[in-house]
Amino acid sequence: MTSRISPRAYRPDDRAALADICVRTADNGGDSSHLYPDPELMPSLFAAPYAYLEPDLAFVLDDGTGRAVGYILGTADTPRFVTEFRERWLPLVDDRYPRPQGEPRGPTDEMIALLHNPERMVLPELADHPAHLHIDLLPDWQRKGYGRELMVTFLAALRAKGVKGVHLSMLTANTPARAFYDRLGFTEIRVPDPGPVSYLVRGTEATL
């Protein structure tokens, strides 16, 4: 029986779908498989550790048949998450993705270097917005209001934990994503040497 398309809590059997969504949206919103031949690499950075370390803040968009076609994942406390990422997550993936020696030699090495540097996520400018998130939907499910539904669900979960501010980072070149976040009330915050990304912040108390 088909039910309504809606956000729901992440389940362990969603893991493969999370990885697929991550790969298919990780290249500036498009498919990243041509850049990273290992299909587990990008999920190991941007999806799987959140579902593993903070499953109560992991939600998926269910297409009505039980299949996840989008997700929103995050943490309520970025400094704590970074500590747990290093202590609990990296040991699970270090054999598959050892730290590159020397300068990165391509996109895969660049991502593995990020994997081994979770401390990059802690910036003093973001201290008033300690939570952070990642949100992705498969292309056919974008621009239909489902991203907003996922965000409403996530912000409510943060409020229930007493968290007052959340941030995210995004590739500055991804203008459709920026327009989406602008509509949801996120504003840019300046940080030193941001590189190719922009940092956006929002309070959790305001409704969407």
N, C-alpha and C. Protein backbone atom coordinates (compact mmCIF):
# COMPACT_ATOMS: atom_id res chain seq x y z
N MET A 1 0.84 -1.20 0.00
CA MET A 1 0.00 0.00 0.00
C MET A 1 0.88 1.26 0.00
N THR A 2 0.58 2.20 -0.84
CA THR A 2 1.34 3.43 -0.92
C THR A 2 0.80 4.45 0.07
N SER A 3 1.71 5.08 0.82
CA SER A 3 1.31 6.10 1.77
C SER A 3 1.74 7.46 1.23
N ARG A 4 1.49 8.49 2.01
CA ARG A 4 1.80 9.84 1.58
C ARG A 4 3.30 10.06 1.51
N ILE A 5 3.73 10.84 0.52
CA ILE A 5 5.12 11.24 0.43
C ILE A 5 5.41 12.21 1.57
N SER A 6 6.37 11.88 2.43
CA SER A 6 6.60 12.73 3.60
C SER A 6 7.94 12.39 4.24
N PRO A 7 8.47 13.31 5.04
CA PRO A 7 9.67 13.00 5.82
C PRO A 7 9.35 11.97 6.89
N ARG A 8 10.33 11.18 7.21
CA ARG A 8 10.24 10.24 8.32
C ARG A 8 11.63 10.03 8.90
N ALA A 9 11.69 9.39 10.04
CA ALA A 9 12.98 9.11 10.67
C ALA A 9 13.78 8.12 9.82
N TYR A 10 15.07 8.31 9.80
CA TYR A 10 15.99 7.38 9.15
C TYR A 10 15.91 6.01 9.80
N ARG A 11 16.01 4.96 8.96
CA ARG A 11 16.10 3.59 9.44
C ARG A 11 17.38 2.96 8.91
N PRO A 12 17.96 1.99 9.60
CA PRO A 12 19.20 1.37 9.12
C PRO A 12 19.09 0.83 7.70
N ASP A 13 17.90 0.38 7.28
CA ASP A 13 17.80 -0.15 5.93
C ASP A 13 17.75 0.95 4.86
N ASP A 14 17.83 2.22 5.28
CA ASP A 14 17.94 3.33 4.34
C ASP A 14 19.39 3.61 3.95
N ARG A 15 20.35 2.91 4.51
CA ARG A 15 21.75 3.28 4.33
C ARG A 15 22.15 3.31 2.87
N ALA A 16 21.77 2.30 2.10
CA ALA A 16 22.15 2.27 0.68
C ALA A 16 21.53 3.43 -0.08
N ALA A 17 20.28 3.75 0.24
CA ALA A 17 19.62 4.87 -0.43
C ALA A 17 20.31 6.19 -0.08
N LEU A 18 20.72 6.37 1.18
CA LEU A 18 21.44 7.57 1.57
C LEU A 18 22.71 7.72 0.74
N ALA A 19 23.46 6.63 0.62
CA ALA A 19 24.70 6.68 -0.15
C ALA A 19 24.43 7.04 -1.61
N ASP A 20 23.41 6.46 -2.18
CA ASP A 20 23.07 6.74 -3.58
C ASP A 20 22.68 8.20 -3.77
N ILE A 21 21.85 8.72 -2.88
CA ILE A 21 21.45 10.12 -2.98
C ILE A 21 22.67 11.03 -2.86
N CYS A 22 23.55 10.72 -1.92
CA CYS A 22 24.74 11.53 -1.73
C CYS A 22 25.59 11.57 -2.99
N VAL A 23 25.85 10.41 -3.58
CA VAL A 23 26.67 10.34 -4.79
C VAL A 23 26.02 11.11 -5.94
N ARG A 24 24.73 10.99 -6.07
CA ARG A 24 24.03 11.59 -7.21
C ARG A 24 23.79 13.09 -7.06
N THR A 25 24.19 13.66 -5.93
CA THR A 25 24.00 15.10 -5.73
C THR A 25 25.28 15.80 -5.28
N ALA A 26 26.41 15.09 -5.20
CA ALA A 26 27.61 15.64 -4.55
C ALA A 26 28.49 16.49 -5.46
N ASP A 27 28.19 16.55 -6.74
CA ASP A 27 28.98 17.41 -7.64
C ASP A 27 28.19 18.68 -7.93
N ASN A 28 28.26 19.61 -6.97
CA ASN A 28 27.55 20.88 -7.14
C ASN A 28 26.06 20.67 -7.43
N GLY A 29 25.50 19.67 -6.76
CA GLY A 29 24.09 19.33 -6.94
C GLY A 29 23.82 18.25 -7.96
N GLY A 30 24.86 17.82 -8.69
CA GLY A 30 24.70 16.79 -9.72
C GLY A 30 25.47 15.52 -9.38
N ASP A 31 25.42 14.57 -10.29
CA ASP A 31 26.04 13.26 -10.07
C ASP A 31 27.56 13.40 -9.98
N SER A 32 28.14 12.80 -8.94
CA SER A 32 29.58 12.92 -8.71
C SER A 32 30.35 11.66 -9.05
N SER A 33 29.69 10.65 -9.61
CA SER A 33 30.35 9.36 -9.81
C SER A 33 31.51 9.44 -10.78
N HIS A 34 31.50 10.42 -11.70
CA HIS A 34 32.62 10.55 -12.63
C HIS A 34 33.86 11.14 -11.95
N LEU A 35 33.68 11.78 -10.81
CA LEU A 35 34.80 12.38 -10.09
C LEU A 35 35.40 11.43 -9.06
N TYR A 36 34.55 10.61 -8.45
CA TYR A 36 34.98 9.76 -7.35
C TYR A 36 34.55 8.33 -7.65
N PRO A 37 35.46 7.52 -8.21
CA PRO A 37 35.08 6.16 -8.63
C PRO A 37 34.57 5.28 -7.49
N ASP A 38 35.05 5.50 -6.27
CA ASP A 38 34.59 4.71 -5.13
C ASP A 38 33.24 5.27 -4.67
N PRO A 39 32.16 4.53 -4.80
CA PRO A 39 30.84 5.06 -4.47
C PRO A 39 30.60 5.27 -2.97
N GLU A 40 31.52 4.80 -2.13
CA GLU A 40 31.36 4.99 -0.69
C GLU A 40 32.09 6.22 -0.18
N LEU A 41 32.93 6.85 -1.03
CA LEU A 41 33.76 7.94 -0.52
C LEU A 41 32.93 9.14 -0.06
N MET A 42 32.13 9.70 -0.94
CA MET A 42 31.37 10.89 -0.56
C MET A 42 30.38 10.60 0.57
N PRO A 43 29.67 9.46 0.54
CA PRO A 43 28.82 9.15 1.69
C PRO A 43 29.58 9.03 2.99
N SER A 44 30.84 8.58 2.94
CA SER A 44 31.63 8.44 4.16
C SER A 44 31.98 9.77 4.78
N LEU A 45 31.91 10.83 3.99
CA LEU A 45 32.14 12.18 4.50
C LEU A 45 30.86 12.87 4.91
N PHE A 46 29.84 12.79 4.06
CA PHE A 46 28.72 13.72 4.16
C PHE A 46 27.38 13.09 4.50
N ALA A 47 27.31 11.78 4.64
CA ALA A 47 26.03 11.15 4.96
C ALA A 47 26.16 10.10 6.06
N ALA A 48 26.92 9.06 5.81
CA ALA A 48 26.97 7.92 6.74
C ALA A 48 27.39 8.29 8.15
N PRO A 49 28.37 9.18 8.36
CA PRO A 49 28.75 9.46 9.76
C PRO A 49 27.64 10.11 10.56
N TYR A 50 26.78 10.88 9.91
CA TYR A 50 25.67 11.52 10.63
C TYR A 50 24.64 10.48 11.05
N ALA A 51 24.30 9.59 10.12
CA ALA A 51 23.34 8.54 10.45
C ALA A 51 23.89 7.62 11.54
N TYR A 52 25.19 7.44 11.55
CA TYR A 52 25.82 6.56 12.54
C TYR A 52 25.97 7.24 13.90
N LEU A 53 26.44 8.49 13.90
CA LEU A 53 26.75 9.17 15.15
C LEU A 53 25.56 9.90 15.76
N GLU A 54 24.63 10.36 14.93
CA GLU A 54 23.50 11.13 15.45
C GLU A 54 22.21 10.75 14.72
N PRO A 55 21.79 9.49 14.85
CA PRO A 55 20.65 9.01 14.09
C PRO A 55 19.34 9.71 14.43
N ASP A 56 19.24 10.30 15.63
CA ASP A 56 18.00 10.98 15.99
C ASP A 56 17.84 12.31 15.25
N LEU A 57 18.87 12.74 14.51
CA LEU A 57 18.75 13.92 13.66
C LEU A 57 18.92 13.55 12.19
N ALA A 58 18.58 12.33 11.86
CA ALA A 58 18.64 11.85 10.47
C ALA A 58 17.22 11.56 10.00
N PHE A 59 16.82 12.24 8.93
CA PHE A 59 15.47 12.09 8.38
C PHE A 59 15.57 11.91 6.87
N VAL A 60 14.63 11.15 6.32
CA VAL A 60 14.59 10.93 4.87
C VAL A 60 13.23 11.36 4.35
N LEU A 61 13.21 11.65 3.05
CA LEU A 61 11.94 11.84 2.35
C LEU A 61 11.53 10.49 1.78
N ASP A 62 10.42 9.97 2.26
CA ASP A 62 9.90 8.67 1.81
C ASP A 62 8.99 8.92 0.61
N ASP A 63 9.21 8.17 -0.48
CA ASP A 63 8.42 8.38 -1.71
C ASP A 63 7.03 7.78 -1.62
N GLY A 64 6.67 7.25 -0.45
CA GLY A 64 5.35 6.66 -0.27
C GLY A 64 5.36 5.15 -0.37
N THR A 65 6.49 4.58 -0.79
CA THR A 65 6.62 3.14 -0.88
C THR A 65 7.66 2.59 0.09
N GLY A 66 8.24 3.48 0.90
CA GLY A 66 9.30 3.07 1.82
C GLY A 66 10.69 3.43 1.32
N ARG A 67 10.80 3.92 0.09
CA ARG A 67 12.11 4.26 -0.49
C ARG A 67 12.48 5.69 -0.16
N ALA A 68 13.72 5.90 0.28
CA ALA A 68 14.22 7.24 0.57
C ALA A 68 14.69 7.88 -0.73
N VAL A 69 14.19 9.10 -1.01
CA VAL A 69 14.57 9.83 -2.22
C VAL A 69 15.21 11.18 -1.88
N GLY A 70 15.40 11.42 -0.62
CA GLY A 70 16.06 12.62 -0.15
C GLY A 70 16.36 12.45 1.33
N TYR A 71 17.20 13.35 1.85
CA TYR A 71 17.51 13.26 3.27
C TYR A 71 17.91 14.63 3.81
N ILE A 72 17.81 14.76 5.11
CA ILE A 72 18.44 15.85 5.86
C ILE A 72 19.09 15.21 7.08
N LEU A 73 20.35 15.53 7.26
CA LEU A 73 21.17 14.93 8.30
C LEU A 73 21.94 16.03 9.00
N GLY A 74 22.32 15.81 10.24
CA GLY A 74 23.12 16.83 10.88
C GLY A 74 23.46 16.49 12.31
N THR A 75 23.92 17.51 13.00
CA THR A 75 24.30 17.37 14.40
C THR A 75 23.79 18.59 15.17
N ALA A 76 23.50 18.39 16.43
CA ALA A 76 23.10 19.49 17.30
C ALA A 76 24.28 20.27 17.83
N ASP A 77 25.47 19.67 17.80
CA ASP A 77 26.66 20.25 18.45
C ASP A 77 27.87 19.91 17.61
N THR A 78 28.31 20.85 16.78
CA THR A 78 29.40 20.57 15.85
C THR A 78 30.70 20.20 16.55
N PRO A 79 31.16 20.93 17.58
CA PRO A 79 32.41 20.51 18.24
C PRO A 79 32.35 19.09 18.80
N ARG A 80 31.23 18.74 19.42
CA ARG A 80 31.11 17.38 19.92
C ARG A 80 31.12 16.37 18.79
N PHE A 81 30.41 16.70 17.70
CA PHE A 81 30.37 15.80 16.55
C PHE A 81 31.77 15.58 15.99
N VAL A 82 32.57 16.63 15.92
CA VAL A 82 33.94 16.50 15.40
C VAL A 82 34.76 15.55 16.25
N THR A 83 34.62 15.66 17.56
CA THR A 83 35.34 14.74 18.45
C THR A 83 34.91 13.31 18.21
N GLU A 84 33.59 13.08 18.09
CA GLU A 84 33.10 11.72 17.87
C GLU A 84 33.46 11.22 16.48
N PHE A 85 33.47 12.12 15.50
CA PHE A 85 33.88 11.74 14.14
C PHE A 85 35.30 11.18 14.19
N ARG A 86 36.20 11.86 14.87
CA ARG A 86 37.58 11.40 14.93
C ARG A 86 37.71 10.11 15.75
N GLU A 87 37.01 10.05 16.87
CA GLU A 87 37.20 8.92 17.78
C GLU A 87 36.40 7.69 17.39
N ARG A 88 35.22 7.87 16.80
CA ARG A 88 34.34 6.74 16.55
C ARG A 88 34.14 6.43 15.07
N TRP A 89 34.18 7.46 14.20
CA TRP A 89 33.91 7.22 12.79
C TRP A 89 35.17 6.92 11.99
N LEU A 90 36.20 7.72 12.15
CA LEU A 90 37.41 7.51 11.36
C LEU A 90 37.99 6.10 11.51
N PRO A 91 38.00 5.51 12.70
CA PRO A 91 38.52 4.14 12.79
C PRO A 91 37.76 3.14 11.93
N LEU A 92 36.49 3.43 11.61
CA LEU A 92 35.71 2.51 10.80
C LEU A 92 36.05 2.59 9.31
N VAL A 93 36.61 3.71 8.88
CA VAL A 93 36.86 3.91 7.45
C VAL A 93 38.33 4.12 7.11
N ASP A 94 39.18 4.16 8.11
CA ASP A 94 40.59 4.48 7.89
C ASP A 94 41.29 3.44 7.02
N ASP A 95 40.95 2.16 7.17
CA ASP A 95 41.60 1.15 6.33
C ASP A 95 41.26 1.35 4.86
N ARG A 96 40.03 1.73 4.58
CA ARG A 96 39.62 1.93 3.19
C ARG A 96 40.15 3.26 2.64
N TYR A 97 40.24 4.26 3.52
CA TYR A 97 40.66 5.59 3.08
C TYR A 97 41.80 6.10 3.97
N PRO A 98 43.01 5.53 3.84
CA PRO A 98 44.12 6.04 4.63
C PRO A 98 44.46 7.47 4.22
N ARG A 99 45.00 8.23 5.16
CA ARG A 99 45.35 9.62 4.90
C ARG A 99 46.36 9.70 3.74
N PRO A 100 46.10 10.53 2.74
CA PRO A 100 47.05 10.66 1.61
C PRO A 100 48.38 11.22 2.10
N GLN A 101 49.45 10.75 1.49
CA GLN A 101 50.77 11.27 1.80
C GLN A 101 51.13 12.36 0.79
N GLY A 102 51.60 13.50 1.28
CA GLY A 102 51.96 14.59 0.39
C GLY A 102 50.73 15.34 -0.10
N GLU A 103 50.92 16.11 -1.15
CA GLU A 103 49.85 16.91 -1.71
C GLU A 103 48.81 16.02 -2.41
N PRO A 104 47.52 16.36 -2.30
CA PRO A 104 46.50 15.58 -3.02
C PRO A 104 46.77 15.54 -4.52
N ARG A 105 46.55 14.37 -5.11
CA ARG A 105 46.84 14.18 -6.53
C ARG A 105 45.58 14.17 -7.39
N GLY A 106 44.46 14.47 -6.82
CA GLY A 106 43.23 14.50 -7.59
C GLY A 106 42.04 14.63 -6.67
N PRO A 107 40.82 14.63 -7.23
CA PRO A 107 39.62 14.82 -6.41
C PRO A 107 39.47 13.80 -5.29
N THR A 108 39.81 12.54 -5.55
CA THR A 108 39.67 11.53 -4.49
C THR A 108 40.58 11.85 -3.32
N ASP A 109 41.84 12.17 -3.60
CA ASP A 109 42.77 12.52 -2.52
C ASP A 109 42.30 13.75 -1.76
N GLU A 110 41.72 14.71 -2.47
CA GLU A 110 41.24 15.92 -1.80
C GLU A 110 40.13 15.59 -0.81
N MET A 111 39.22 14.71 -1.21
CA MET A 111 38.12 14.34 -0.31
C MET A 111 38.62 13.50 0.86
N ILE A 112 39.59 12.62 0.62
CA ILE A 112 40.13 11.82 1.72
C ILE A 112 40.87 12.71 2.71
N ALA A 113 41.55 13.74 2.21
CA ALA A 113 42.19 14.69 3.12
C ALA A 113 41.16 15.39 3.99
N LEU A 114 40.01 15.76 3.42
CA LEU A 114 38.94 16.36 4.22
C LEU A 114 38.43 15.37 5.27
N LEU A 115 38.28 14.12 4.87
CA LEU A 115 37.80 13.09 5.79
C LEU A 115 38.67 13.04 7.04
N HIS A 116 39.99 13.19 6.85
CA HIS A 116 40.92 13.09 7.96
C HIS A 116 41.12 14.41 8.70
N ASN A 117 40.35 15.42 8.35
CA ASN A 117 40.46 16.71 9.02
C ASN A 117 39.09 17.21 9.46
N PRO A 118 38.40 16.48 10.31
CA PRO A 118 37.07 16.93 10.73
C PRO A 118 37.10 18.24 11.50
N GLU A 119 38.26 18.58 12.08
CA GLU A 119 38.36 19.83 12.84
C GLU A 119 38.10 21.07 11.98
N ARG A 120 38.17 20.92 10.66
CA ARG A 120 37.87 22.03 9.75
C ARG A 120 36.43 22.53 9.95
N MET A 121 35.58 21.71 10.53
CA MET A 121 34.17 22.08 10.71
C MET A 121 33.95 23.06 11.85
N VAL A 122 34.93 23.23 12.72
CA VAL A 122 34.77 24.09 13.89
C VAL A 122 35.38 25.45 13.58
N LEU A 123 34.52 26.46 13.47
CA LEU A 123 34.96 27.83 13.22
C LEU A 123 34.38 28.73 14.29
N PRO A 124 35.18 29.63 14.86
CA PRO A 124 34.65 30.48 15.95
C PRO A 124 33.48 31.35 15.51
N GLU A 125 33.46 31.73 14.25
CA GLU A 125 32.37 32.59 13.75
C GLU A 125 31.02 31.88 13.81
N LEU A 126 31.01 30.55 13.92
CA LEU A 126 29.78 29.77 13.90
C LEU A 126 29.33 29.34 15.29
N ALA A 127 30.00 29.85 16.33
CA ALA A 127 29.73 29.37 17.69
C ALA A 127 28.30 29.60 18.12
N ASP A 128 27.67 30.67 17.64
CA ASP A 128 26.28 30.93 18.02
C ASP A 128 25.28 30.07 17.25
N HIS A 129 25.77 29.30 16.30
CA HIS A 129 24.93 28.40 15.49
C HIS A 129 25.59 27.02 15.51
N PRO A 130 25.57 26.34 16.66
CA PRO A 130 26.39 25.14 16.85
C PRO A 130 25.95 23.93 16.06
N ALA A 131 24.69 23.86 15.68
CA ALA A 131 24.23 22.74 14.86
C ALA A 131 24.65 22.95 13.41
N HIS A 132 24.76 21.87 12.65
CA HIS A 132 24.90 22.01 11.21
C HIS A 132 24.19 20.87 10.50
N LEU A 133 23.98 21.03 9.21
CA LEU A 133 23.16 20.08 8.46
C LEU A 133 23.66 19.87 7.04
N HIS A 134 23.21 18.77 6.46
CA HIS A 134 23.33 18.48 5.03
C HIS A 134 21.95 18.05 4.53
N ILE A 135 21.53 18.60 3.41
CA ILE A 135 20.24 18.23 2.84
C ILE A 135 20.42 17.97 1.35
N ASP A 136 19.89 16.86 0.86
CA ASP A 136 19.99 16.51 -0.56
C ASP A 136 18.74 15.74 -0.98
N LEU A 137 18.27 16.02 -2.19
CA LEU A 137 17.16 15.29 -2.77
C LEU A 137 17.54 14.88 -4.19
N LEU A 138 17.07 13.71 -4.60
CA LEU A 138 17.29 13.29 -5.99
C LEU A 138 16.64 14.30 -6.93
N PRO A 139 17.20 14.47 -8.13
CA PRO A 139 16.72 15.54 -9.03
C PRO A 139 15.22 15.55 -9.26
N ASP A 140 14.61 14.38 -9.43
CA ASP A 140 13.18 14.34 -9.72
C ASP A 140 12.31 14.81 -8.55
N TRP A 141 12.92 14.95 -7.38
CA TRP A 141 12.16 15.32 -6.19
C TRP A 141 12.48 16.73 -5.70
N GLN A 142 13.25 17.43 -6.49
CA GLN A 142 13.60 18.81 -6.14
C GLN A 142 12.55 19.79 -6.67
N ARG A 143 12.53 20.98 -6.07
CA ARG A 143 11.66 22.07 -6.51
C ARG A 143 10.18 21.69 -6.45
N LYS A 144 9.83 20.87 -5.47
CA LYS A 144 8.44 20.47 -5.29
C LYS A 144 7.96 20.69 -3.85
N GLY A 145 8.76 21.39 -3.07
CA GLY A 145 8.38 21.67 -1.69
C GLY A 145 8.86 20.66 -0.68
N TYR A 146 9.48 19.57 -1.14
CA TYR A 146 9.89 18.54 -0.19
C TYR A 146 11.12 18.93 0.61
N GLY A 147 11.99 19.74 0.01
CA GLY A 147 13.14 20.23 0.76
C GLY A 147 12.71 21.06 1.95
N ARG A 148 11.70 21.89 1.74
CA ARG A 148 11.15 22.69 2.85
C ARG A 148 10.59 21.77 3.94
N GLU A 149 9.87 20.71 3.55
CA GLU A 149 9.32 19.79 4.54
C GLU A 149 10.43 19.14 5.37
N LEU A 150 11.50 18.75 4.70
CA LEU A 150 12.62 18.16 5.42
C LEU A 150 13.22 19.17 6.40
N MET A 151 13.37 20.41 5.95
CA MET A 151 13.95 21.43 6.81
C MET A 151 13.05 21.70 8.02
N VAL A 152 11.75 21.78 7.81
CA VAL A 152 10.82 21.96 8.93
C VAL A 152 11.00 20.84 9.96
N THR A 153 11.11 19.61 9.49
CA THR A 153 11.27 18.47 10.37
C THR A 153 12.57 18.58 11.17
N PHE A 154 13.65 18.95 10.49
CA PHE A 154 14.96 19.02 11.15
C PHE A 154 15.00 20.15 12.17
N LEU A 155 14.49 21.32 11.80
CA LEU A 155 14.52 22.44 12.73
C LEU A 155 13.68 22.15 13.98
N ALA A 156 12.56 21.47 13.80
CA ALA A 156 11.74 21.10 14.96
C ALA A 156 12.50 20.16 15.89
N ALA A 157 13.27 19.24 15.31
CA ALA A 157 14.06 18.32 16.13
C ALA A 157 15.15 19.08 16.89
N LEU A 158 15.76 20.08 16.25
CA LEU A 158 16.75 20.90 16.95
C LEU A 158 16.11 21.68 18.09
N ARG A 159 14.95 22.28 17.83
CA ARG A 159 14.27 23.04 18.89
C ARG A 159 13.96 22.15 20.08
N ALA A 160 13.56 20.92 19.81
CA ALA A 160 13.24 19.99 20.89
C ALA A 160 14.46 19.69 21.75
N LYS A 161 15.65 19.85 21.18
CA LYS A 161 16.89 19.64 21.92
C LYS A 161 17.40 20.93 22.56
N GLY A 162 16.68 22.03 22.37
CA GLY A 162 17.10 23.29 22.95
C GLY A 162 18.17 24.01 22.15
N VAL A 163 18.37 23.63 20.89
CA VAL A 163 19.39 24.25 20.05
C VAL A 163 18.79 25.48 19.37
N LYS A 164 19.47 26.60 19.45
CA LYS A 164 18.91 27.86 18.95
C LYS A 164 19.43 28.29 17.59
N GLY A 165 20.53 27.70 17.11
CA GLY A 165 21.08 28.14 15.84
C GLY A 165 21.72 27.01 15.06
N VAL A 166 21.64 27.08 13.74
CA VAL A 166 22.17 26.05 12.86
C VAL A 166 22.92 26.71 11.71
N HIS A 167 23.92 26.03 11.19
CA HIS A 167 24.63 26.54 10.03
C HIS A 167 24.81 25.43 9.00
N LEU A 168 25.21 25.84 7.83
CA LEU A 168 25.57 24.90 6.77
C LEU A 168 26.63 25.54 5.90
N SER A 169 27.36 24.72 5.17
CA SER A 169 28.28 25.22 4.16
C SER A 169 27.85 24.68 2.81
N MET A 170 28.05 25.48 1.78
CA MET A 170 27.64 25.07 0.43
C MET A 170 28.61 25.66 -0.57
N LEU A 171 28.76 24.99 -1.70
CA LEU A 171 29.58 25.54 -2.76
C LEU A 171 28.97 26.85 -3.24
N THR A 172 29.75 27.89 -3.24
CA THR A 172 29.24 29.20 -3.63
C THR A 172 28.70 29.19 -5.05
N ALA A 173 29.26 28.34 -5.91
CA ALA A 173 28.83 28.28 -7.31
C ALA A 173 27.46 27.66 -7.48
N ASN A 174 26.94 27.01 -6.45
CA ASN A 174 25.65 26.32 -6.57
C ASN A 174 24.52 27.32 -6.32
N THR A 175 24.25 28.13 -7.31
CA THR A 175 23.26 29.21 -7.14
C THR A 175 21.84 28.71 -6.90
N PRO A 176 21.39 27.60 -7.51
CA PRO A 176 20.04 27.12 -7.16
C PRO A 176 19.91 26.76 -5.69
N ALA A 177 20.95 26.13 -5.11
CA ALA A 177 20.91 25.80 -3.69
C ALA A 177 20.86 27.06 -2.85
N ARG A 178 21.64 28.07 -3.25
CA ARG A 178 21.65 29.32 -2.48
C ARG A 178 20.26 29.97 -2.49
N ALA A 179 19.59 29.94 -3.63
CA ALA A 179 18.25 30.52 -3.70
C ALA A 179 17.29 29.77 -2.77
N PHE A 180 17.43 28.45 -2.70
CA PHE A 180 16.61 27.64 -1.80
C PHE A 180 16.84 28.05 -0.36
N TYR A 181 18.09 28.16 0.05
CA TYR A 181 18.38 28.52 1.43
C TYR A 181 17.94 29.95 1.75
N ASP A 182 18.09 30.84 0.80
CA ASP A 182 17.63 32.21 1.01
C ASP A 182 16.13 32.23 1.31
N ARG A 183 15.37 31.44 0.55
CA ARG A 183 13.92 31.40 0.76
C ARG A 183 13.57 30.86 2.14
N LEU A 184 14.44 30.04 2.70
CA LEU A 184 14.17 29.43 4.01
C LEU A 184 14.73 30.26 5.15
N GLY A 185 15.21 31.45 4.85
CA GLY A 185 15.62 32.35 5.92
C GLY A 185 17.07 32.26 6.35
N PHE A 186 17.90 31.53 5.61
CA PHE A 186 19.32 31.49 5.93
C PHE A 186 19.99 32.77 5.42
N THR A 187 21.00 33.21 6.15
CA THR A 187 21.78 34.37 5.73
C THR A 187 23.25 34.01 5.79
N GLU A 188 24.03 34.68 4.96
CA GLU A 188 25.46 34.38 4.89
C GLU A 188 26.20 35.00 6.06
N ILE A 189 27.18 34.27 6.57
CA ILE A 189 28.07 34.78 7.61
C ILE A 189 29.49 34.70 7.09
N ARG A 190 30.25 35.74 7.30
CA ARG A 190 31.61 35.80 6.79
C ARG A 190 32.57 35.04 7.70
N VAL A 191 33.44 34.27 7.09
CA VAL A 191 34.51 33.58 7.82
C VAL A 191 35.81 33.82 7.07
N PRO A 192 36.95 33.76 7.74
CA PRO A 192 38.22 33.96 7.05
C PRO A 192 38.50 32.82 6.06
N ASP A 193 39.00 33.18 4.90
CA ASP A 193 39.46 32.21 3.90
C ASP A 193 38.45 31.08 3.66
N PRO A 194 37.27 31.39 3.21
CA PRO A 194 36.26 30.34 3.04
C PRO A 194 36.50 29.42 1.85
N GLY A 195 37.40 29.79 0.96
CA GLY A 195 37.63 28.97 -0.22
C GLY A 195 36.42 28.97 -1.13
N PRO A 196 36.07 27.81 -1.70
CA PRO A 196 34.96 27.77 -2.68
C PRO A 196 33.58 27.67 -2.05
N VAL A 197 33.49 27.78 -0.71
CA VAL A 197 32.20 27.58 -0.05
C VAL A 197 31.73 28.85 0.63
N SER A 198 30.42 28.90 0.84
CA SER A 198 29.79 29.95 1.64
C SER A 198 29.18 29.31 2.88
N TYR A 199 29.17 30.06 3.97
CA TYR A 199 28.57 29.59 5.21
C TYR A 199 27.29 30.38 5.47
N LEU A 200 26.22 29.66 5.73
CA LEU A 200 24.92 30.26 5.96
C LEU A 200 24.42 29.86 7.35
N VAL A 201 23.69 30.76 7.99
CA VAL A 201 23.21 30.50 9.36
C VAL A 201 21.73 30.85 9.46
N ARG A 202 21.12 30.27 10.48
CA ARG A 202 19.69 30.52 10.71
C ARG A 202 19.36 30.15 12.15
N GLY A 203 18.44 30.88 12.77
CA GLY A 203 17.89 30.47 14.04
C GLY A 203 16.91 29.33 13.85
N THR A 204 16.69 28.56 14.89
CA THR A 204 15.76 27.43 14.78
C THR A 204 14.35 27.79 15.21
N GLU A 205 14.18 28.97 15.82
CA GLU A 205 12.87 29.26 16.43
C GLU A 205 11.85 29.75 15.40
N ALA A 206 12.29 30.40 14.34
CA ALA A 206 11.35 30.95 13.37
C ALA A 206 10.74 29.84 12.53
N THR A 207 9.47 30.02 12.18
CA THR A 207 8.80 29.04 11.33
C THR A 207 9.11 29.32 9.87
N LEU A 208 8.95 28.31 9.04
CA LEU A 208 9.20 28.45 7.60
C LEU A 208 7.90 28.74 6.87
